[in-house]
N, C-alpha and C. Protein backbone atom coordinates (compact mmCIF):
# COMPACT_ATOMS: atom_id res chain seq x y z
N MET A 1 -200.36 -15.26 -0.39
CA MET A 1 -201.24 -14.09 -0.40
C MET A 1 -201.71 -13.77 1.03
N GLN A 2 -201.06 -12.86 1.64
CA GLN A 2 -201.43 -12.53 3.01
C GLN A 2 -202.38 -11.34 3.04
N GLY A 3 -201.96 -10.20 2.45
CA GLY A 3 -202.79 -9.01 2.47
C GLY A 3 -203.90 -9.09 1.43
N MET A 4 -203.63 -9.83 0.34
CA MET A 4 -204.61 -9.93 -0.73
C MET A 4 -205.72 -10.91 -0.38
N ASP A 5 -205.50 -11.71 0.66
CA ASP A 5 -206.46 -12.74 1.04
C ASP A 5 -207.90 -12.23 1.05
N SER A 6 -208.11 -11.04 1.62
CA SER A 6 -209.47 -10.52 1.74
C SER A 6 -210.11 -10.31 0.38
N GLN A 7 -209.38 -9.63 -0.52
CA GLN A 7 -209.94 -9.33 -1.84
C GLN A 7 -209.98 -10.57 -2.71
N GLU A 8 -208.89 -11.33 -2.70
CA GLU A 8 -208.80 -12.52 -3.55
C GLU A 8 -209.83 -13.55 -3.13
N LEU A 9 -210.15 -13.59 -1.85
CA LEU A 9 -211.11 -14.56 -1.34
C LEU A 9 -212.47 -14.36 -1.99
N HIS A 10 -212.88 -13.10 -2.12
CA HIS A 10 -214.19 -12.81 -2.71
C HIS A 10 -214.19 -13.06 -4.21
N ALA A 11 -213.10 -12.68 -4.86
CA ALA A 11 -213.04 -12.79 -6.32
C ALA A 11 -212.67 -14.20 -6.76
N GLY A 12 -211.88 -14.88 -5.96
CA GLY A 12 -211.38 -16.20 -6.36
C GLY A 12 -212.22 -17.34 -5.84
N ILE A 13 -213.18 -17.04 -4.97
CA ILE A 13 -213.98 -18.11 -4.36
C ILE A 13 -214.81 -18.86 -5.40
N HIS A 14 -215.17 -18.18 -6.49
CA HIS A 14 -215.96 -18.85 -7.52
C HIS A 14 -215.08 -19.82 -8.31
N MET A 15 -213.81 -19.45 -8.46
CA MET A 15 -212.91 -20.25 -9.29
C MET A 15 -212.24 -21.36 -8.48
N VAL A 16 -211.62 -20.98 -7.38
CA VAL A 16 -210.89 -21.97 -6.57
C VAL A 16 -211.35 -21.91 -5.12
N PRO A 17 -211.32 -23.05 -4.45
CA PRO A 17 -211.72 -23.13 -3.04
C PRO A 17 -210.80 -22.28 -2.15
N VAL A 18 -211.28 -21.98 -0.96
CA VAL A 18 -210.52 -21.14 -0.04
C VAL A 18 -209.21 -21.80 0.34
N GLU A 19 -209.19 -23.12 0.36
CA GLU A 19 -207.98 -23.83 0.77
C GLU A 19 -206.84 -23.54 -0.20
N VAL A 20 -207.16 -23.42 -1.48
CA VAL A 20 -206.14 -23.17 -2.50
C VAL A 20 -205.62 -21.74 -2.39
N ILE A 21 -206.52 -20.80 -2.07
CA ILE A 21 -206.14 -19.40 -1.95
C ILE A 21 -205.16 -19.22 -0.79
N GLU A 22 -205.41 -19.93 0.29
CA GLU A 22 -204.54 -19.83 1.45
C GLU A 22 -203.46 -20.86 1.30
């Protein structure tokens, strides 16, 4: 997730840590 990082980071931060998103 390169471009989605910004949006997914805010929405996914409650569910999964930032390390998993990146």
